[in-house]
Amino acid sequence: MMNSIQTFEQNSKIIRATTIKMAYDSKESHLSSALSCVDILNILFGGCLKHNKKNPERDRFILSKGHACSALYATMAFYGIIPVEMLSRYSTTDSELPNHPCKFALPELEISSGSLGHGLGIASGIMYGLRLDNRDTPRSIVLMSDGECNEGSVWEAAMFAAAQKLNKLVAIVDNNGSQAVGRSDELMGFTSLEDKFKSFGWEAITVNGNSCLELLQALTKIPFSKDKPSAIIAKTISGAGVSFMENNQIWFYRQPNKENLDAAITELNVEPLQK
């Protein structure tokens, strides 16, 4: 049964607390990027995705922004796809949960990711292959970063997907405005990603990517067109949910210390999944 919006919002807090605890325990970074997309992952895995890997008619979910994988792992644990105990091994030697996703370490994943700009092309190929097999039920949903939209491969894939009318393909862009070395607009120009996708032949909308309600409303409407792939430009806040991390560029690579962890958990007012 689909969760209520209030339940989704509470679940996002728990997933955020878990993600921050994982970063603290493992001394890993990319925390602001992970926190910005928690609500997207929560809504997807909480009811919008058919994600049983054993089901050939499942939706294919691809995390193209692989550096944010801690949020994906925390979400998968929250929804019982992987054991909570596995989270304590995040980013340790020979772990099932490396700091960029690996499908050979974690078979529940569709692809390994980390090199930005690959996800949309892979998803387009998957959808094209399923069509050749006369299998039109599954969807392919790609969670991308706005930073990777700097890559030409993204727009090559976008052109191919539009030309082939892959209307079961969905790109969700985590548009948090932040990249490794600065703000996205300052680096790549003050342009609209919604307009860009539309100019490449997609149907696209912009939503508040940290609003569980707006995300749910958007995802229940896909495909937006019977002849076009769909893009959701999710305007998010880097470090969303923790006031001292929000829109603070330093948290792209900073690792939380005990004081940061305690402050974040206190603000979220929930306990992380792992001890």
Protein backbone atom coordinates (compact mmCIF):
# COMPACT_ATOMS: atom_id res chain seq x y z
CA MET A 1 0.00 0.00 0.00
CA MET A 2 1.29 3.45 -0.86
CA ASN A 3 2.50 5.36 2.19
CA SER A 4 0.92 8.66 3.22
CA ILE A 5 2.89 11.83 2.56
CA GLN A 6 3.46 12.26 6.31
CA THR A 7 4.87 8.75 6.50
CA PHE A 8 7.14 9.39 3.52
CA GLU A 9 8.43 12.56 5.17
CA GLN A 10 9.21 10.71 8.38
CA ASN A 11 10.86 7.90 6.44
CA SER A 12 13.08 10.45 4.66
CA LYS A 13 14.33 11.67 8.04
CA ILE A 14 15.30 8.14 9.06
CA ILE A 15 17.05 7.53 5.73
CA ARG A 16 18.92 10.83 6.11
CA ALA A 17 20.03 9.99 9.64
CA THR A 18 21.18 6.59 8.41
CA THR A 19 23.11 8.12 5.51
CA ILE A 20 24.90 10.55 7.81
CA LYS A 21 25.79 7.77 10.27
CA MET A 22 27.20 5.73 7.37
CA ALA A 23 29.37 8.67 6.33
CA TYR A 24 30.59 9.09 9.92
CA ASP A 25 31.35 5.41 10.46
CA SER A 26 33.15 4.97 7.14
CA LYS A 27 34.83 8.39 7.02
CA GLU A 28 33.37 8.87 3.54
CA SER A 29 32.23 12.05 1.81
CA HIS A 30 29.71 13.01 -0.94
CA LEU A 31 27.23 13.57 1.86
CA SER A 32 25.56 16.69 0.45
CA SER A 33 24.93 14.88 -2.85
CA ALA A 34 23.43 11.89 -1.05
CA LEU A 35 21.16 13.96 1.19
CA SER A 36 19.75 15.98 -1.71
CA CYS A 37 18.29 12.88 -3.40
CA VAL A 38 16.91 11.04 -0.33
CA ASP A 39 13.31 12.10 -0.98
CA ILE A 40 13.53 10.95 -4.62
CA LEU A 41 14.84 7.52 -3.62
CA ASN A 42 12.31 7.25 -0.80
CA ILE A 43 9.33 7.91 -3.10
CA LEU A 44 10.67 5.56 -5.77
CA PHE A 45 11.37 2.59 -3.50
CA GLY A 46 8.44 3.33 -1.23
CA GLY A 47 5.87 2.60 -3.87
CA CYS A 48 6.60 3.87 -7.39
CA LEU A 49 9.13 1.23 -8.47
CA LYS A 50 8.66 -2.43 -9.26
CA HIS A 51 12.14 -3.36 -8.07
CA ASN A 52 12.19 -7.13 -7.54
CA LYS A 53 15.33 -8.18 -9.40
CA LYS A 54 13.89 -11.66 -10.00
CA ASN A 55 10.92 -10.24 -11.91
CA PRO A 56 11.69 -9.85 -15.65
CA GLU A 57 8.92 -7.23 -15.85
CA ARG A 58 10.48 -5.13 -13.10
CA ASP A 59 11.37 -1.48 -13.56
CA ARG A 60 15.05 -0.94 -14.21
CA PHE A 61 16.38 1.62 -11.73
CA ILE A 62 19.78 3.14 -12.46
CA LEU A 63 21.65 5.41 -10.06
CA SER A 64 23.78 7.33 -12.51
CA LYS A 65 25.10 9.67 -9.80
CA GLY A 66 26.95 6.79 -8.17
CA HIS A 67 28.79 9.00 -5.69
CA ALA A 68 25.46 9.37 -3.82
CA CYS A 69 25.15 5.62 -3.26
CA SER A 70 25.03 5.85 0.54
CA ALA A 71 21.50 7.25 0.23
CA LEU A 72 20.57 4.39 -2.11
CA TYR A 73 21.95 1.77 0.29
CA ALA A 74 20.15 3.37 3.24
CA THR A 75 16.88 3.44 1.27
CA MET A 76 17.26 -0.19 0.19
CA ALA A 77 17.87 -1.19 3.80
CA PHE A 78 14.89 0.82 5.01
CA TYR A 79 12.59 -0.99 2.58
CA GLY A 80 14.03 -4.42 3.34
CA ILE A 81 15.83 -4.98 0.02
CA ILE A 82 19.17 -5.45 1.78
CA PRO A 83 19.83 -6.28 5.47
CA VAL A 84 20.33 -3.32 7.80
CA GLU A 85 23.42 -5.09 9.17
CA MET A 86 25.07 -4.65 5.78
CA LEU A 87 25.20 -0.87 6.24
CA SER A 88 27.99 -1.14 8.83
CA ARG A 89 30.22 -2.52 6.06
CA TYR A 90 29.73 0.49 3.79
CA SER A 91 32.98 1.41 2.05
CA THR A 92 35.07 -1.24 3.78
CA THR A 93 37.41 -3.68 2.04
CA ASP A 94 35.54 -6.30 -0.02
CA SER A 95 32.19 -4.89 1.09
CA GLU A 96 28.94 -5.46 -0.79
CA LEU A 97 28.50 -1.69 -0.44
CA PRO A 98 31.52 0.10 -1.93
CA ASN A 99 31.57 3.89 -2.14
CA HIS A 100 30.42 3.66 -5.75
CA PRO A 101 27.83 0.99 -6.60
CA CYS A 102 29.02 -2.32 -8.06
CA LYS A 103 26.48 -4.82 -9.37
CA PHE A 104 28.97 -7.67 -8.91
CA ALA A 105 29.22 -6.85 -5.20
CA LEU A 106 25.49 -6.19 -4.82
CA PRO A 107 23.39 -8.20 -7.30
CA GLU A 108 20.24 -6.18 -6.49
CA LEU A 109 21.69 -3.38 -8.65
CA GLU A 110 21.11 -3.13 -12.40
CA ILE A 111 24.49 -1.52 -13.22
CA SER A 112 27.73 -0.39 -11.63
CA SER A 113 28.06 3.38 -11.64
CA GLY A 114 30.35 6.20 -10.73
CA SER A 115 31.66 7.62 -13.99
CA LEU A 116 29.14 10.38 -14.59
CA GLY A 117 27.26 10.62 -17.88
CA HIS A 118 26.79 6.88 -18.45
CA GLY A 119 23.44 6.15 -16.83
CA LEU A 120 21.10 7.69 -19.39
CA GLY A 121 22.84 5.95 -22.30
CA ILE A 122 22.72 2.58 -20.53
CA ALA A 123 19.05 3.04 -19.66
CA SER A 124 18.24 4.01 -23.24
CA GLY A 125 19.95 0.86 -24.48
CA ILE A 126 18.05 -1.27 -21.97
CA MET A 127 14.73 0.15 -23.12
CA TYR A 128 15.62 -0.26 -26.77
CA GLY A 129 16.61 -3.89 -26.14
CA LEU A 130 13.38 -4.61 -24.26
CA ARG A 131 11.42 -3.18 -27.17
CA LEU A 132 13.27 -5.48 -29.59
CA ASP A 133 12.19 -8.37 -27.35
CA ASN A 134 8.59 -7.11 -27.55
CA ARG A 135 8.54 -6.38 -23.83
CA ASP A 136 6.87 -3.03 -23.33
CA THR A 137 5.82 -3.28 -19.69
CA PRO A 138 9.05 -2.39 -17.79
CA ARG A 139 10.18 1.17 -17.33
CA SER A 140 13.74 2.41 -16.96
CA ILE A 141 14.21 5.18 -14.40
CA VAL A 142 17.55 6.99 -14.15
CA LEU A 143 18.55 9.21 -11.25
CA MET A 144 21.11 11.69 -12.54
CA SER A 145 22.93 14.72 -11.18
CA ASP A 146 22.76 18.18 -12.71
CA GLY A 147 26.57 18.16 -12.80
CA GLU A 148 26.67 15.16 -15.12
CA CYS A 149 24.50 17.04 -17.58
CA ASN A 150 27.79 18.75 -18.46
CA GLU A 151 28.69 15.52 -20.27
CA GLY A 152 28.05 15.26 -24.00
CA SER A 153 27.13 11.60 -23.64
CA VAL A 154 23.99 12.63 -21.76
CA TRP A 155 22.70 14.59 -24.73
CA GLU A 156 23.69 11.92 -27.24
CA ALA A 157 21.55 9.50 -25.24
CA ALA A 158 18.75 12.07 -24.99
CA MET A 159 18.68 12.46 -28.78
CA PHE A 160 18.63 8.69 -29.33
CA ALA A 161 15.86 8.14 -26.78
CA ALA A 162 13.69 10.85 -28.34
CA ALA A 163 14.29 9.56 -31.87
CA GLN A 164 13.26 6.05 -30.81
CA LYS A 165 10.25 7.35 -28.87
CA LEU A 166 11.28 5.50 -25.70
CA ASN A 167 8.28 6.64 -23.69
CA LYS A 168 8.99 4.19 -20.83
CA LEU A 169 12.32 5.94 -20.15
CA VAL A 170 12.37 8.43 -17.27
CA ALA A 171 15.26 10.72 -16.33
CA ILE A 172 15.12 12.28 -12.88
CA VAL A 173 17.73 15.02 -12.55
CA ASP A 174 18.75 15.82 -8.98
CA ASN A 175 19.16 19.52 -9.67
CA ASN A 176 20.81 20.56 -6.41
CA GLY A 177 22.83 23.30 -8.08
CA SER A 178 26.13 21.98 -6.74
CA GLN A 179 29.13 20.31 -8.33
CA ALA A 180 32.46 19.20 -6.95
CA VAL A 181 34.19 22.52 -7.58
CA GLY A 182 31.36 25.04 -7.43
CA ARG A 183 27.82 26.00 -8.27
CA SER A 184 26.34 24.49 -11.43
CA ASP A 185 24.97 27.74 -12.84
CA GLU A 186 28.28 29.53 -12.41
CA LEU A 187 30.17 26.71 -14.13
CA MET A 188 27.77 25.89 -16.98
CA GLY A 189 25.54 28.92 -17.45
CA PHE A 190 22.19 30.02 -16.08
CA THR A 191 20.01 27.82 -18.29
CA SER A 192 16.93 25.65 -17.74
CA LEU A 193 17.38 21.89 -17.74
CA GLU A 194 13.66 21.52 -18.41
CA ASP A 195 14.04 23.62 -21.57
CA LYS A 196 17.11 21.65 -22.60
CA PHE A 197 15.37 18.28 -22.37
CA LYS A 198 12.36 19.64 -24.24
CA SER A 199 14.63 20.94 -26.99
CA PHE A 200 16.00 17.40 -27.37
CA GLY A 201 12.51 16.02 -27.92
CA TRP A 202 11.55 15.00 -24.39
CA GLU A 203 8.52 15.92 -22.30
CA ALA A 204 9.81 17.55 -19.11
CA ILE A 205 8.55 19.15 -15.93
CA THR A 206 10.23 20.82 -12.95
CA VAL A 207 9.24 19.96 -9.38
CA ASN A 208 10.46 20.51 -5.84
CA GLY A 209 12.67 17.46 -5.46
CA ASN A 210 12.59 17.62 -1.68
CA SER A 211 8.77 17.58 -1.61
CA CYS A 212 7.47 14.05 -1.25
CA LEU A 213 4.06 15.24 -2.44
CA GLU A 214 5.32 16.86 -5.66
CA LEU A 215 7.55 13.90 -6.46
CA LEU A 216 4.73 11.43 -5.95
CA GLN A 217 2.38 13.49 -8.11
CA ALA A 218 4.95 13.67 -10.90
CA LEU A 219 5.91 9.99 -10.82
CA THR A 220 2.32 8.81 -10.93
CA LYS A 221 1.83 10.74 -14.19
CA ILE A 222 4.66 9.15 -16.20
CA PRO A 223 4.90 8.73 -19.09
CA PHE A 224 4.07 12.38 -19.70
CA SER A 225 3.66 11.68 -23.43
CA LYS A 226 2.88 8.50 -25.37
CA ASP A 227 5.58 9.34 -27.92
CA LYS A 228 8.37 10.87 -25.83
CA PRO A 229 10.66 9.98 -22.93
CA SER A 230 9.98 11.84 -19.68
CA ALA A 231 12.30 14.07 -17.65
CA ILE A 232 11.66 15.25 -14.11
CA ILE A 233 13.91 18.13 -13.11
CA ALA A 234 13.92 17.80 -9.33
CA LYS A 235 15.02 21.10 -7.79
CA THR A 236 16.70 20.03 -4.57
CA ILE A 237 18.97 21.45 -1.88
CA SER A 238 22.43 20.00 -1.45
CA GLY A 239 22.67 18.61 2.06
CA ALA A 240 18.87 18.76 2.36
CA GLY A 241 17.37 18.13 5.79
CA VAL A 242 20.29 19.28 7.94
CA SER A 243 20.48 23.06 8.30
CA PHE A 244 24.25 23.41 8.66
CA MET A 245 24.87 21.23 5.60
CA GLU A 246 22.29 22.80 3.30
CA ASN A 247 23.73 24.70 0.32
CA ASN A 248 27.16 24.54 1.93
CA GLN A 249 29.70 23.61 -0.74
CA ILE A 250 32.17 22.32 1.83
CA TRP A 251 29.96 19.28 2.52
CA PHE A 252 30.49 17.91 -0.96
CA TYR A 253 33.71 16.32 0.31
CA ARG A 254 33.75 16.91 4.07
CA GLN A 255 33.38 13.90 6.37
CA PRO A 256 31.22 14.41 9.49
CA ASN A 257 32.86 14.22 12.90
CA LYS A 258 31.10 13.14 16.10
CA GLU A 259 29.89 16.66 16.82
CA ASN A 260 28.43 16.97 13.29
CA LEU A 261 26.78 13.57 13.61
CA ASP A 262 25.19 14.36 16.97
CA ALA A 263 23.96 17.76 15.76
CA ALA A 264 22.42 16.26 12.62
CA ILE A 265 20.68 13.43 14.50
CA THR A 266 19.34 15.90 17.06
CA GLU A 267 17.95 18.14 14.32
CA LEU A 268 16.35 15.26 12.43
CA ASN A 269 14.97 13.89 15.73
CA VAL A 270 15.10 10.26 14.59
CA GLU A 271 17.47 7.35 15.07
CA PRO A 272 19.49 5.86 12.20
CA LEU A 273 18.75 2.28 11.20
CA GLN A 274 22.21 1.00 12.12
CA LYS A 275 23.77 1.09 15.59
